[in-house]
Amino acid sequence: MSLDLLPRTAYNEDHEAFRQTVRRFMQEEIAPHQAEWAEAGIAFRPSIAWKTLVPGAIVGTYLSLVFWLGGFKWADASVAAVLNQMATIYILVLARLVLGETIVPRQVLGAGFAVAGALVIMLTR
């Protein structure tokens, strides 16, 4: 039984577009080679990209987690909590710079208030 028969009330058009993109990628890029790879015992297709992906995954995941936890260890709880919540602001900036997303005035105003609040907490200690 396919899950597509069940109603999807929690998802919007963006979620559906993402699902279709992943499904199309799997059908076009993975499924045609699945039997060949299974016979050869290949779990992942060899590629030069792995030389970039593996170190990136290690640095991006584990090393950043070590620094994040280290910051919590040596910072006061109030400062660490504020800086941790600033991740939302970093995401907003990166969404604009990397993904080219449009930032509306309401988001800019909210980010401004968040940065101002963080500065008040940081500078009054």
PDB file of N, CA and C in Angstrom:
ATOM      1  N   MET A   1       0.836  -1.181   0.000  1.00  0.00           N
ATOM      2  CA  MET A   1       0.000   0.000   0.000  1.00  0.00           C
ATOM      3  C   MET A   1       0.879   1.242   0.000  1.00  0.00           C
ATOM      4  N   SER A   2       0.611   2.144  -0.850  1.00  0.00           N
ATOM      5  CA  SER A   2       1.386   3.372  -0.962  1.00  0.00           C
ATOM      6  C   SER A   2       0.899   4.402   0.045  1.00  0.00           C
ATOM      7  N   LEU A   3       1.832   5.130   0.579  1.00  0.00           N
ATOM      8  CA  LEU A   3       1.461   6.195   1.507  1.00  0.00           C
ATOM      9  C   LEU A   3       0.825   7.375   0.792  1.00  0.00           C
ATOM     10  N   ASP A   4       0.933   7.412  -0.535  1.00  0.00           N
ATOM     11  CA  ASP A   4       0.333   8.499  -1.294  1.00  0.00           C
ATOM     12  C   ASP A   4      -1.190   8.486  -1.213  1.00  0.00           C
ATOM     13  N   LEU A   5      -1.778   7.385  -0.759  1.00  0.00           N
ATOM     14  CA  LEU A   5      -3.229   7.296  -0.643  1.00  0.00           C
ATOM     15  C   LEU A   5      -3.750   8.031   0.584  1.00  0.00           C
ATOM     16  N   LEU A   6      -2.875   8.273   1.543  1.00  0.00           N
ATOM     17  CA  LEU A   6      -3.288   8.960   2.758  1.00  0.00           C
ATOM     18  C   LEU A   6      -3.278  10.467   2.531  1.00  0.00           C
ATOM     19  N   PRO A   7      -4.223  11.187   3.108  1.00  0.00           N
ATOM     20  CA  PRO A   7      -4.242  12.644   2.931  1.00  0.00           C
ATOM     21  C   PRO A   7      -3.073  13.298   3.662  1.00  0.00           C
ATOM     22  N   ARG A   8      -2.516  14.314   3.055  1.00  0.00           N
ATOM     23  CA  ARG A   8      -1.385  15.037   3.641  1.00  0.00           C
ATOM     24  C   ARG A   8      -1.853  16.435   4.024  1.00  0.00           C
ATOM     25  N   THR A   9      -2.261  16.575   5.266  1.00  0.00           N
ATOM     26  CA  THR A   9      -2.784  17.868   5.699  1.00  0.00           C
ATOM     27  C   THR A   9      -1.707  18.757   6.312  1.00  0.00           C
ATOM     28  N   ALA A  10      -0.591  18.183   6.713  1.00  0.00           N
ATOM     29  CA  ALA A  10       0.444  18.972   7.378  1.00  0.00           C
ATOM     30  C   ALA A  10       1.455  19.577   6.407  1.00  0.00           C
ATOM     31  N   TYR A  11       1.387  19.218   5.141  1.00  0.00           N
ATOM     32  CA  TYR A  11       2.373  19.672   4.175  1.00  0.00           C
ATOM     33  C   TYR A  11       1.766  20.662   3.190  1.00  0.00           C
ATOM     34  N   ASN A  12       2.609  21.576   2.711  1.00  0.00           N
ATOM     35  CA  ASN A  12       2.148  22.527   1.702  1.00  0.00           C
ATOM     36  C   ASN A  12       2.775  22.191   0.349  1.00  0.00           C
ATOM     37  N   GLU A  13       2.633  23.085  -0.609  1.00  0.00           N
ATOM     38  CA  GLU A  13       3.127  22.832  -1.971  1.00  0.00           C
ATOM     39  C   GLU A  13       4.647  22.665  -2.009  1.00  0.00           C
ATOM     40  N   ASP A  14       5.358  23.389  -1.151  1.00  0.00           N
ATOM     41  CA  ASP A  14       6.819  23.278  -1.127  1.00  0.00           C
ATOM     42  C   ASP A  14       7.251  21.875  -0.713  1.00  0.00           C
ATOM     43  N   HIS A  15       6.584  21.329   0.285  1.00  0.00           N
ATOM     44  CA  HIS A  15       6.904  19.969   0.725  1.00  0.00           C
ATOM     45  C   HIS A  15       6.657  18.972  -0.401  1.00  0.00           C
ATOM     46  N   GLU A  16       5.546  19.155  -1.080  1.00  0.00           N
ATOM     47  CA  GLU A  16       5.208  18.241  -2.174  1.00  0.00           C
ATOM     48  C   GLU A  16       6.221  18.361  -3.313  1.00  0.00           C
ATOM     49  N   ALA A  17       6.651  19.576  -3.620  1.00  0.00           N
ATOM     50  CA  ALA A  17       7.657  19.781  -4.670  1.00  0.00           C
ATOM     51  C   ALA A  17       8.974  19.108  -4.286  1.00  0.00           C
ATOM     52  N   PHE A  18       9.349  19.212  -3.021  1.00  0.00           N
ATOM     53  CA  PHE A  18      10.578  18.573  -2.551  1.00  0.00           C
ATOM     54  C   PHE A  18      10.457  17.050  -2.662  1.00  0.00           C
ATOM     55  N   ARG A  19       9.332  16.499  -2.249  1.00  0.00           N
ATOM     56  CA  ARG A  19       9.110  15.058  -2.338  1.00  0.00           C
ATOM     57  C   ARG A  19       9.208  14.587  -3.783  1.00  0.00           C
ATOM     58  N   GLN A  20       8.615  15.332  -4.691  1.00  0.00           N
ATOM     59  CA  GLN A  20       8.649  14.948  -6.101  1.00  0.00           C
ATOM     60  C   GLN A  20      10.069  15.012  -6.652  1.00  0.00           C
ATOM     61  N   THR A  21      10.840  16.016  -6.215  1.00  0.00           N
ATOM     62  CA  THR A  21      12.224  16.147  -6.667  1.00  0.00           C
ATOM     63  C   THR A  21      13.062  14.967  -6.194  1.00  0.00           C
ATOM     64  N   VAL A  22      12.915  14.601  -4.931  1.00  0.00           N
ATOM     65  CA  VAL A  22      13.664  13.463  -4.392  1.00  0.00           C
ATOM     66  C   VAL A  22      13.240  12.176  -5.092  1.00  0.00           C
ATOM     67  N   ARG A  23      11.939  12.005  -5.284  1.00  0.00           N
ATOM     68  CA  ARG A  23      11.440  10.801  -5.955  1.00  0.00           C
ATOM     69  C   ARG A  23      11.983  10.713  -7.383  1.00  0.00           C
ATOM     70  N   ARG A  24      11.972  11.842  -8.103  1.00  0.00           N
ATOM     71  CA  ARG A  24      12.475  11.852  -9.483  1.00  0.00           C
ATOM     72  C   ARG A  24      13.971  11.539  -9.510  1.00  0.00           C
ATOM     73  N   PHE A  25      14.736  12.116  -8.577  1.00  0.00           N
ATOM     74  CA  PHE A  25      16.169  11.840  -8.516  1.00  0.00           C
ATOM     75  C   PHE A  25      16.423  10.354  -8.262  1.00  0.00           C
ATOM     76  N   MET A  26      15.694   9.793  -7.316  1.00  0.00           N
ATOM     77  CA  MET A  26      15.877   8.373  -6.996  1.00  0.00           C
ATOM     78  C   MET A  26      15.530   7.493  -8.198  1.00  0.00           C
ATOM     79  N   GLN A  27      14.450   7.820  -8.896  1.00  0.00           N
ATOM     80  CA  GLN A  27      14.037   7.015 -10.044  1.00  0.00           C
ATOM     81  C   GLN A  27      14.997   7.142 -11.223  1.00  0.00           C
ATOM     82  N   GLU A  28      15.549   8.337 -11.424  1.00  0.00           N
ATOM     83  CA  GLU A  28      16.410   8.560 -12.585  1.00  0.00           C
ATOM     84  C   GLU A  28      17.875   8.237 -12.334  1.00  0.00           C
ATOM     85  N   GLU A  29      18.357   8.465 -11.118  1.00  0.00           N
ATOM     86  CA  GLU A  29      19.790   8.336 -10.855  1.00  0.00           C
ATOM     87  C   GLU A  29      20.178   7.099 -10.052  1.00  0.00           C
ATOM     88  N   ILE A  30      19.304   6.615  -9.219  1.00  0.00           N
ATOM     89  CA  ILE A  30      19.650   5.493  -8.346  1.00  0.00           C
ATOM     90  C   ILE A  30      19.054   4.184  -8.857  1.00  0.00           C
ATOM     91  N   ALA A  31      17.746   4.167  -9.089  1.00  0.00           N
ATOM     92  CA  ALA A  31      17.053   2.926  -9.459  1.00  0.00           C
ATOM     93  C   ALA A  31      17.638   2.225 -10.684  1.00  0.00           C
ATOM     94  N   PRO A  32      18.012   2.946 -11.747  1.00  0.00           N
ATOM     95  CA  PRO A  32      18.549   2.234 -12.917  1.00  0.00           C
ATOM     96  C   PRO A  32      19.846   1.465 -12.636  1.00  0.00           C
ATOM     97  N   HIS A  33      20.596   1.880 -11.635  1.00  0.00           N
ATOM     98  CA  HIS A  33      21.887   1.261 -11.339  1.00  0.00           C
ATOM     99  C   HIS A  33      21.837   0.319 -10.149  1.00  0.00           C
ATOM    100  N   GLN A  34      20.700   0.222  -9.496  1.00  0.00           N
ATOM    101  CA  GLN A  34      20.595  -0.531  -8.248  1.00  0.00           C
ATOM    102  C   GLN A  34      20.987  -1.996  -8.414  1.00  0.00           C
ATOM    103  N   ALA A  35      20.487  -2.666  -9.417  1.00  0.00           N
ATOM    104  CA  ALA A  35      20.797  -4.091  -9.614  1.00  0.00           C
ATOM    105  C   ALA A  35      22.284  -4.285  -9.916  1.00  0.00           C
ATOM    106  N   GLU A  36      22.821  -3.433 -10.768  1.00  0.00           N
ATOM    107  CA  GLU A  36      24.247  -3.519 -11.114  1.00  0.00           C
ATOM    108  C   GLU A  36      25.120  -3.324  -9.878  1.00  0.00           C
ATOM    109  N   TRP A  37      24.786  -2.322  -9.055  1.00  0.00           N
ATOM    110  CA  TRP A  37      25.565  -2.055  -7.851  1.00  0.00           C
ATOM    111  C   TRP A  37      25.416  -3.184  -6.838  1.00  0.00           C
ATOM    112  N   ALA A  38      24.219  -3.749  -6.736  1.00  0.00           N
ATOM    113  CA  ALA A  38      23.994  -4.854  -5.790  1.00  0.00           C
ATOM    114  C   ALA A  38      24.831  -6.071  -6.190  1.00  0.00           C
ATOM    115  N   GLU A  39      24.891  -6.388  -7.488  1.00  0.00           N
ATOM    116  CA  GLU A  39      25.696  -7.519  -7.969  1.00  0.00           C
ATOM    117  C   GLU A  39      27.175  -7.299  -7.687  1.00  0.00           C
ATOM    118  N   ALA A  40      27.619  -6.074  -7.893  1.00  0.00           N
ATOM    119  CA  ALA A  40      29.036  -5.766  -7.707  1.00  0.00           C
ATOM    120  C   ALA A  40      29.395  -5.531  -6.245  1.00  0.00           C
ATOM    121  N   GLY A  41      28.391  -5.462  -5.382  1.00  0.00           N
ATOM    122  CA  GLY A  41      28.650  -5.214  -3.962  1.00  0.00           C
ATOM    123  C   GLY A  41      29.031  -3.777  -3.677  1.00  0.00           C
ATOM    124  N   ILE A  42      28.620  -2.889  -4.558  1.00  0.00           N
ATOM    125  CA  ILE A  42      28.947  -1.473  -4.387  1.00  0.00           C
ATOM    126  C   ILE A  42      27.798  -0.792  -3.654  1.00  0.00           C
ATOM    127  N   ALA A  43      28.092  -0.221  -2.484  1.00  0.00           N
ATOM    128  CA  ALA A  43      27.054   0.481  -1.734  1.00  0.00           C
ATOM    129  C   ALA A  43      26.872   1.903  -2.270  1.00  0.00           C
ATOM    130  N   PHE A  44      27.970   2.547  -2.612  1.00  0.00           N
ATOM    131  CA  PHE A  44      27.925   3.908  -3.129  1.00  0.00           C
ATOM    132  C   PHE A  44      28.725   3.962  -4.419  1.00  0.00           C
ATOM    133  N   ARG A  45      28.252   4.737  -5.357  1.00  0.00           N
ATOM    134  CA  ARG A  45      28.964   4.873  -6.624  1.00  0.00           C
ATOM    135  C   ARG A  45      30.268   5.628  -6.369  1.00  0.00           C
ATOM    136  N   PRO A  46      31.400   5.066  -6.790  1.00  0.00           N
ATOM    137  CA  PRO A  46      32.674   5.766  -6.600  1.00  0.00           C
ATOM    138  C   PRO A  46      32.667   7.104  -7.352  1.00  0.00           C
ATOM    139  N   SER A  47      33.174   8.111  -6.701  1.00  0.00           N
ATOM    140  CA  SER A  47      33.178   9.433  -7.308  1.00  0.00           C
ATOM    141  C   SER A  47      34.245  10.288  -6.648  1.00  0.00           C
ATOM    142  N   ILE A  48      34.782  11.215  -7.411  1.00  0.00           N
ATOM    143  CA  ILE A  48      35.757  12.164  -6.877  1.00  0.00           C
ATOM    144  C   ILE A  48      35.106  13.077  -5.839  1.00  0.00           C
ATOM    145  N   ALA A  49      33.785  13.206  -5.895  1.00  0.00           N
ATOM    146  CA  ALA A  49      33.071  14.068  -4.952  1.00  0.00           C
ATOM    147  C   ALA A  49      33.225  13.580  -3.515  1.00  0.00           C
ATOM    148  N   TRP A  50      33.437  12.289  -3.308  1.00  0.00           N
ATOM    149  CA  TRP A  50      33.585  11.770  -1.958  1.00  0.00           C
ATOM    150  C   TRP A  50      34.785  12.380  -1.251  1.00  0.00           C
ATOM    151  N   LYS A  51      35.812  12.762  -2.023  1.00  0.00           N
ATOM    152  CA  LYS A  51      36.998  13.377  -1.407  1.00  0.00           C
ATOM    153  C   LYS A  51      36.669  14.738  -0.809  1.00  0.00           C
ATOM    154  N   THR A  52      35.602  15.348  -1.269  1.00  0.00           N
ATOM    155  CA  THR A  52      35.145  16.614  -0.709  1.00  0.00           C
ATOM    156  C   THR A  52      34.042  16.396   0.313  1.00  0.00           C
ATOM    157  N   LEU A  53      33.134  15.468   0.020  1.00  0.00           N
ATOM    158  CA  LEU A  53      31.978  15.259   0.884  1.00  0.00           C
ATOM    159  C   LEU A  53      32.345  14.708   2.257  1.00  0.00           C
ATOM    160  N   VAL A  54      33.234  13.740   2.305  1.00  0.00           N
ATOM    161  CA  VAL A  54      33.566  13.121   3.590  1.00  0.00           C
ATOM    162  C   VAL A  54      34.246  14.107   4.532  1.00  0.00           C
ATOM    163  N   PRO A  55      35.306  14.804   4.110  1.00  0.00           N
ATOM    164  CA  PRO A  55      35.887  15.796   5.031  1.00  0.00           C
ATOM    165  C   PRO A  55      34.891  16.901   5.393  1.00  0.00           C
ATOM    166  N   GLY A  56      34.069  17.307   4.428  1.00  0.00           N
ATOM    167  CA  GLY A  56      33.073  18.333   4.724  1.00  0.00           C
ATOM    168  C   GLY A  56      32.069  17.881   5.765  1.00  0.00           C
ATOM    169  N   ALA A  57      31.670  16.618   5.670  1.00  0.00           N
ATOM    170  CA  ALA A  57      30.726  16.078   6.651  1.00  0.00           C
ATOM    171  C   ALA A  57      31.365  16.004   8.034  1.00  0.00           C
ATOM    172  N   ILE A  58      32.623  15.616   8.078  1.00  0.00           N
ATOM    173  CA  ILE A  58      33.307  15.513   9.367  1.00  0.00           C
ATOM    174  C   ILE A  58      33.491  16.888   9.983  1.00  0.00           C
ATOM    175  N   VAL A  59      33.990  17.822   9.206  1.00  0.00           N
ATOM    176  CA  VAL A  59      34.200  19.175   9.729  1.00  0.00           C
ATOM    177  C   VAL A  59      32.870  19.841  10.051  1.00  0.00           C
ATOM    178  N   GLY A  60      31.926  19.726   9.131  1.00  0.00           N
ATOM    179  CA  GLY A  60      30.653  20.408   9.309  1.00  0.00           C
ATOM    180  C   GLY A  60      29.819  19.861  10.439  1.00  0.00           C
ATOM    181  N   THR A  61      29.977  18.596  10.748  1.00  0.00           N
ATOM    182  CA  THR A  61      29.156  17.993  11.795  1.00  0.00           C
ATOM    183  C   THR A  61      29.916  17.877  13.105  1.00  0.00           C
ATOM    184  N   TYR A  62      30.965  17.103  13.100  1.00  0.00           N
ATOM    185  CA  TYR A  62      31.619  16.756  14.355  1.00  0.00           C
ATOM    186  C   TYR A  62      32.462  17.890  14.921  1.00  0.00           C
ATOM    187  N   LEU A  63      33.257  18.524  14.097  1.00  0.00           N
ATOM    188  CA  LEU A  63      34.106  19.587  14.595  1.00  0.00           C
ATOM    189  C   LEU A  63      33.274  20.770  15.077  1.00  0.00           C
ATOM    190  N   SER A  64      32.233  21.118  14.332  1.00  0.00           N
ATOM    191  CA  SER A  64      31.382  22.226  14.775  1.00  0.00           C
ATOM    192  C   SER A  64      30.656  21.880  16.067  1.00  0.00           C
ATOM    193  N   LEU A  65      30.275  20.618  16.243  1.00  0.00           N
ATOM    194  CA  LEU A  65      29.624  20.192  17.481  1.00  0.00           C
ATOM    195  C   LEU A  65      30.583  20.293  18.666  1.00  0.00           C
ATOM    196  N   VAL A  66      31.837  19.939  18.458  1.00  0.00           N
ATOM    197  CA  VAL A  66      32.839  20.048  19.520  1.00  0.00           C
ATOM    198  C   VAL A  66      33.005  21.506  19.934  1.00  0.00           C
ATOM    199  N   PHE A  67      33.099  22.407  18.970  1.00  0.00           N
ATOM    200  CA  PHE A  67      33.232  23.828  19.298  1.00  0.00           C
ATOM    201  C   PHE A  67      31.978  24.371  19.972  1.00  0.00           C
ATOM    202  N   TRP A  68      30.813  23.931  19.503  1.00  0.00           N
ATOM    203  CA  TRP A  68      29.552  24.385  20.086  1.00  0.00           C
ATOM    204  C   TRP A  68      29.463  23.961  21.555  1.00  0.00           C
ATOM    205  N   LEU A  69      29.761  22.682  21.825  1.00  0.00           N
ATOM    206  CA  LEU A  69      29.723  22.201  23.205  1.00  0.00           C
ATOM    207  C   LEU A  69      30.811  22.851  24.058  1.00  0.00           C
ATOM    208  N   GLY A  70      31.982  23.086  23.456  1.00  0.00           N
ATOM    209  CA  GLY A  70      33.042  23.776  24.178  1.00  0.00           C
ATOM    210  C   GLY A  70      32.633  25.185  24.563  1.00  0.00           C
ATOM    211  N   GLY A  71      31.926  25.858  23.676  1.00  0.00           N
ATOM    212  CA  GLY A  71      31.426  27.194  24.002  1.00  0.00           C
ATOM    213  C   GLY A  71      30.453  27.167  25.161  1.00  0.00           C
ATOM    214  N   PHE A  72      29.606  26.167  25.217  1.00  0.00           N
ATOM    215  CA  PHE A  72      28.686  26.040  26.346  1.00  0.00           C
ATOM    216  C   PHE A  72      29.434  25.738  27.638  1.00  0.00           C
ATOM    217  N   LYS A  73      30.506  25.002  27.527  1.00  0.00           N
ATOM    218  CA  LYS A  73      31.258  24.625  28.729  1.00  0.00           C
ATOM    219  C   LYS A  73      31.924  25.836  29.369  1.00  0.00           C
ATOM    220  N   TRP A  74      32.480  26.720  28.556  1.00  0.00           N
ATOM    221  CA  TRP A  74      33.260  27.818  29.105  1.00  0.00           C
ATOM    222  C   TRP A  74      32.516  29.150  29.174  1.00  0.00           C
ATOM    223  N   ALA A  75      31.323  29.214  28.655  1.00  0.00           N
ATOM    224  CA  ALA A  75      30.550  30.460  28.722  1.00  0.00           C
ATOM    225  C   ALA A  75      29.513  30.359  29.824  1.00  0.00           C
ATOM    226  N   ASP A  76      29.106  31.518  30.325  1.00  0.00           N
ATOM    227  CA  ASP A  76      27.993  31.543  31.273  1.00  0.00           C
ATOM    228  C   ASP A  76      26.740  31.056  30.564  1.00  0.00           C
ATOM    229  N   ALA A  77      25.845  30.461  31.330  1.00  0.00           N
ATOM    230  CA  ALA A  77      24.631  29.896  30.738  1.00  0.00           C
ATOM    231  C   ALA A  77      23.802  30.959  30.031  1.00  0.00           C
ATOM    232  N   SER A  78      23.720  32.148  30.613  1.00  0.00           N
ATOM    233  CA  SER A  78      22.899  33.199  29.991  1.00  0.00           C
ATOM    234  C   SER A  78      23.490  33.648  28.662  1.00  0.00           C
ATOM    235  N   VAL A  79      24.782  33.744  28.583  1.00  0.00           N
ATOM    236  CA  VAL A  79      25.438  34.154  27.346  1.00  0.00           C
ATOM    237  C   VAL A  79      25.335  33.033  26.305  1.00  0.00           C
ATOM    238  N   ALA A  80      25.586  31.810  26.716  1.00  0.00           N
ATOM    239  CA  ALA A  80      25.531  30.678  25.792  1.00  0.00           C
ATOM    240  C   ALA A  80      24.128  30.513  25.216  1.00  0.00           C
ATOM    241  N   ALA A  81      23.110  30.698  26.039  1.00  0.00           N
ATOM    242  CA  ALA A  81      21.732  30.552  25.559  1.00  0.00           C
ATOM    243  C   ALA A  81      21.397  31.606  24.518  1.00  0.00           C
ATOM    244  N   VAL A  82      21.832  32.840  24.756  1.00  0.00           N
ATOM    245  CA  VAL A  82      21.564  33.918  23.800  1.00  0.00           C
ATOM    246  C   VAL A  82      22.286  33.661  22.485  1.00  0.00           C
ATOM    247  N   LEU A  83      23.547  33.295  22.559  1.00  0.00           N
ATOM    248  CA  LEU A  83      24.312  33.033  21.341  1.00  0.00           C
ATOM    249  C   LEU A  83      23.757  31.827  20.581  1.00  0.00           C
ATOM    250  N   ASN A  84      23.291  30.826  21.303  1.00  0.00           N
ATOM    251  CA  ASN A  84      22.696  29.665  20.653  1.00  0.00           C
ATOM    252  C   ASN A  84      21.441  30.064  19.884  1.00  0.00           C
ATOM    253  N   GLN A  85      20.635  30.930  20.438  1.00  0.00           N
ATOM    254  CA  GLN A  85      19.412  31.350  19.763  1.00  0.00           C
ATOM    255  C   GLN A  85      19.689  32.298  18.595  1.00  0.00           C
ATOM    256  N   MET A  86      20.881  32.843  18.540  1.00  0.00           N
ATOM    257  CA  MET A  86      21.257  33.698  17.408  1.00  0.00           C
ATOM    258  C   MET A  86      21.430  32.882  16.129  1.00  0.00           C
ATOM    259  N   ALA A  87      21.407  31.568  16.236  1.00  0.00           N
ATOM    260  CA  ALA A  87      21.515  30.712  15.050  1.00  0.00           C
ATOM    261  C   ALA A  87      20.416  31.054  14.044  1.00  0.00           C
ATOM    262  N   THR A  88      19.246  31.438  14.535  1.00  0.00           N
ATOM    263  CA  THR A  88      18.154  31.814  13.642  1.00  0.00           C
ATOM    264  C   THR A  88      18.546  33.002  12.775  1.00  0.00           C
ATOM    265  N   ILE A  89      19.260  33.946  13.340  1.00  0.00           N
ATOM    266  CA  ILE A  89      19.700  35.120  12.585  1.00  0.00           C
ATOM    267  C   ILE A  89      20.747  34.711  11.554  1.00  0.00           C
ATOM    268  N   TYR A  90      21.663  33.827  11.947  1.00  0.00           N
ATOM    269  CA  TYR A  90      22.671  33.349  11.000  1.00  0.00           C
ATOM    270  C   TYR A  90      22.003  32.636   9.829  1.00  0.00           C
ATOM    271  N   ILE A  91      20.991  31.853  10.136  1.00  0.00           N
ATOM    272  CA  ILE A  91      20.264  31.135   9.081  1.00  0.00           C
ATOM    273  C   ILE A  91      19.585  32.120   8.135  1.00  0.00           C
ATOM    274  N   LEU A  92      19.014  33.180   8.677  1.00  0.00           N
ATOM    275  CA  LEU A  92      18.363  34.194   7.847  1.00  0.00           C
ATOM    276  C   LEU A  92      19.371  34.841   6.894  1.00  0.00           C
ATOM    277  N   VAL A  93      20.530  35.199   7.424  1.00  0.00           N
ATOM    278  CA  VAL A  93      21.574  35.827   6.595  1.00  0.00           C
ATOM    279  C   VAL A  93      22.073  34.847   5.528  1.00  0.00           C
ATOM    280  N   LEU A  94      22.337  33.607   5.916  1.00  0.00           N
ATOM    281  CA  LEU A  94      22.825  32.619   4.954  1.00  0.00           C
ATOM    282  C   LEU A  94      21.770  32.269   3.907  1.00  0.00           C
ATOM    283  N   ALA A  95      20.498  32.278   4.298  1.00  0.00           N
ATOM    284  CA  ALA A  95      19.431  32.017   3.325  1.00  0.00           C
ATOM    285  C   ALA A  95      19.447  33.078   2.237  1.00  0.00           C
ATOM    286  N   ARG A  96      19.746  34.309   2.612  1.00  0.00           N
ATOM    287  CA  ARG A  96      19.818  35.391   1.623  1.00  0.00           C
ATOM    288  C   ARG A  96      21.081  35.261   0.774  1.00  0.00           C
ATOM    289  N   LEU A  97      22.228  35.038   1.434  1.00  0.00           N
ATOM    290  CA  LEU A  97      23.504  35.026   0.712  1.00  0.00           C
ATOM    291  C   LEU A  97      23.686  33.772  -0.145  1.00  0.00           C
ATOM    292  N   VAL A  98      23.333  32.616   0.387  1.00  0.00           N
ATOM    293  CA  VAL A  98      23.595  31.364  -0.307  1.00  0.00           C
ATOM    294  C   VAL A  98      22.444  30.962  -1.217  1.00  0.00           C
ATOM    295  N   LEU A  99      21.234  31.035  -0.694  1.00  0.00           N
ATOM    296  CA  LEU A  99      20.075  30.566  -1.451  1.00  0.00           C
ATOM    297  C   LEU A  99      19.394  31.665  -2.257  1.00  0.00           C
ATOM    298  N   GLY A 100      19.738  32.913  -1.966  1.00  0.00           N
ATOM    299  CA  GLY A 100      19.133  34.024  -2.692  1.00  0.00           C
ATOM    300  C   GLY A 100      17.679  34.267  -2.316  1.00  0.00           C
ATOM    301  N   GLU A 101      17.275  33.846  -1.123  1.00  0.00           N
ATOM    302  CA  GLU A 101      15.897  34.042  -0.705  1.00  0.00           C
ATOM    303  C   GLU A 101      15.608  35.520  -0.462  1.00  0.00           C
ATOM    304  N   THR A 102      14.379  35.895  -0.683  1.00  0.00           N
ATOM    305  CA  THR A 102      13.952  37.271  -0.448  1.00  0.00           C
ATOM    306  C   THR A 102      13.693  37.464   1.038  1.00  0.00           C
ATOM    307  N   ILE A 103      14.244  38.513   1.586  1.00  0.00           N
ATOM    308  CA  ILE A 103      14.044  38.849   2.988  1.00  0.00           C
ATOM    309  C   ILE A 103      13.070  40.019   3.046  1.00  0.00           C
ATOM    310  N   VAL A 104      11.960  39.820   3.722  1.00  0.00           N
ATOM    311  CA  VAL A 104      10.931  40.865   3.796  1.00  0.00           C
ATOM    312  C   VAL A 104      11.217  41.782   4.981  1.00  0.00           C
ATOM    313  N   PRO A 105      10.676  43.001   4.966  1.00  0.00           N
ATOM    314  CA  PRO A 105      10.949  43.962   6.044  1.00  0.00           C
ATOM    315  C   PRO A 105      10.632  43.423   7.439  1.00  0.00           C
ATOM    316  N   ARG A 106       9.592  42.621   7.561  1.00  0.00           N
ATOM    317  CA  ARG A 106       9.242  42.073   8.866  1.00  0.00           C
ATOM    318  C   ARG A 106      10.357  41.182   9.403  1.00  0.00           C
ATOM    319  N   GLN A 107      11.012  40.424   8.526  1.00  0.00           N
ATOM    320  CA  GLN A 107      12.126  39.577   8.947  1.00  0.00           C
ATOM    321  C   GLN A 107      13.320  40.425   9.369  1.00  0.00           C
ATOM    322  N   VAL A 108      13.572  41.488   8.637  1.00  0.00           N
ATOM    323  CA  VAL A 108      14.678  42.386   8.980  1.00  0.00           C
ATOM    324  C   VAL A 108      14.421  43.025  10.344  1.00  0.00           C
ATOM    325  N   LEU A 109      13.193  43.451  10.575  1.00  0.00           N
ATOM    326  CA  LEU A 109      12.837  44.066  11.852  1.00  0.00           C
ATOM    327  C   LEU A 109      13.005  43.051  12.994  1.00  0.00           C
ATOM    328  N   GLY A 110      12.523  41.838  12.795  1.00  0.00           N
ATOM    329  CA  GLY A 110      12.678  40.801  13.819  1.00  0.00           C
ATOM    330  C   GLY A 110      14.131  40.471  14.088  1.00  0.00           C
ATOM    331  N   ALA A 111      14.929  40.376  13.036  1.00  0.00           N
ATOM    332  CA  ALA A 111      16.356  40.105  13.204  1.00  0.00           C
ATOM    333  C   ALA A 111      17.039  41.250  13.930  1.00  0.00           C
ATOM    334  N   GLY A 112      16.638  42.461  13.612  1.00  0.00           N
ATOM    335  CA  GLY A 112      17.204  43.633  14.299  1.00  0.00           C
ATOM    336  C   GLY A 112      16.916  43.614  15.790  1.00  0.00           C
ATOM    337  N   PHE A 113      15.675  43.294  16.151  1.00  0.00           N
ATOM    338  CA  PHE A 113      15.318  43.193  17.568  1.00  0.00           C
ATOM    339  C   PHE A 113      16.103  42.080  18.251  1.00  0.00           C
ATOM    340  N   ALA A 114      16.273  40.957  17.567  1.00  0.00           N
ATOM    341  CA  ALA A 114      17.011  39.835  18.149  1.00  0.00           C
ATOM    342  C   ALA A 114      18.472  40.210  18.384  1.00  0.00           C
ATOM    343  N   VAL A 115      19.087  40.856  17.411  1.00  0.00           N
ATOM    344  CA  VAL A 115      20.486  41.271  17.568  1.00  0.00           C
ATOM    345  C   VAL A 115      20.608  42.315  18.665  1.00  0.00           C
ATOM    346  N   ALA A 116      19.679  43.270  18.703  1.00  0.00           N
ATOM    347  CA  ALA A 116      19.701  44.285  19.761  1.00  0.00           C
ATOM    348  C   ALA A 116      19.567  43.636  21.131  1.00  0.00           C
ATOM    349  N   GLY A 117      18.652  42.688  21.261  1.00  0.00           N
ATOM    350  CA  GLY A 117      18.493  41.991  22.536  1.00  0.00           C
ATOM    351  C   GLY A 117      19.731  41.212  22.926  1.00  0.00           C
ATOM    352  N   ALA A 118      20.357  40.561  21.967  1.00  0.00           N
ATOM    353  CA  ALA A 118      21.583  39.821  22.245  1.00  0.00           C
ATOM    354  C   ALA A 118      22.695  40.770  22.695  1.00  0.00           C
ATOM    355  N   LEU A 119      22.786  41.915  22.040  1.00  0.00           N
ATOM    356  CA  LEU A 119      23.804  42.895  22.434  1.00  0.00           C
ATOM    357  C   LEU A 119      23.565  43.416  23.846  1.00  0.00           C
ATOM    358  N   VAL A 120      22.315  43.658  24.181  1.00  0.00           N
ATOM    359  CA  VAL A 120      21.991  44.122  25.541  1.00  0.00           C
ATOM    360  C   VAL A 120      22.425  43.086  26.562  1.00  0.00           C
ATOM    361  N   ILE A 121      22.128  41.827  26.314  1.00  0.00           N
ATOM    362  CA  ILE A 121      22.523  40.767  27.238  1.00  0.00           C
ATOM    363  C   ILE A 121      24.038  40.666  27.332  1.00  0.00           C
ATOM    364  N   MET A 122      24.706  40.706  26.179  1.00  0.00           N
ATOM    365  CA  MET A 122      26.158  40.531  26.168  1.00  0.00           C
ATOM    366  C   MET A 122      26.902  41.700  26.794  1.00  0.00           C
ATOM    367  N   LEU A 123      26.426  42.929  26.549  1.00  0.00           N
ATOM    368  CA  LEU A 123      27.158  44.110  27.007  1.00  0.00           C
ATOM    369  C   LEU A 123      26.845  44.499  28.444  1.00  0.00           C
ATOM    370  N   THR A 124      25.770  43.989  28.997  1.00  0.00           N
ATOM    371  CA  THR A 124      25.426  44.355  30.371  1.00  0.00           C
ATOM    372  C   THR A 124      25.953  43.346  31.384  1.00  0.00           C
ATOM    373  N   ARG A 125      26.727  42.416  30.976  1.00  0.00           N
ATOM    374  CA  ARG A 125      27.273  41.414  31.904  1.00  0.00           C
ATOM    375  C   ARG A 125      28.484  41.934  32.598  1.00  0.00           C
TER     376      ARG A 125
END
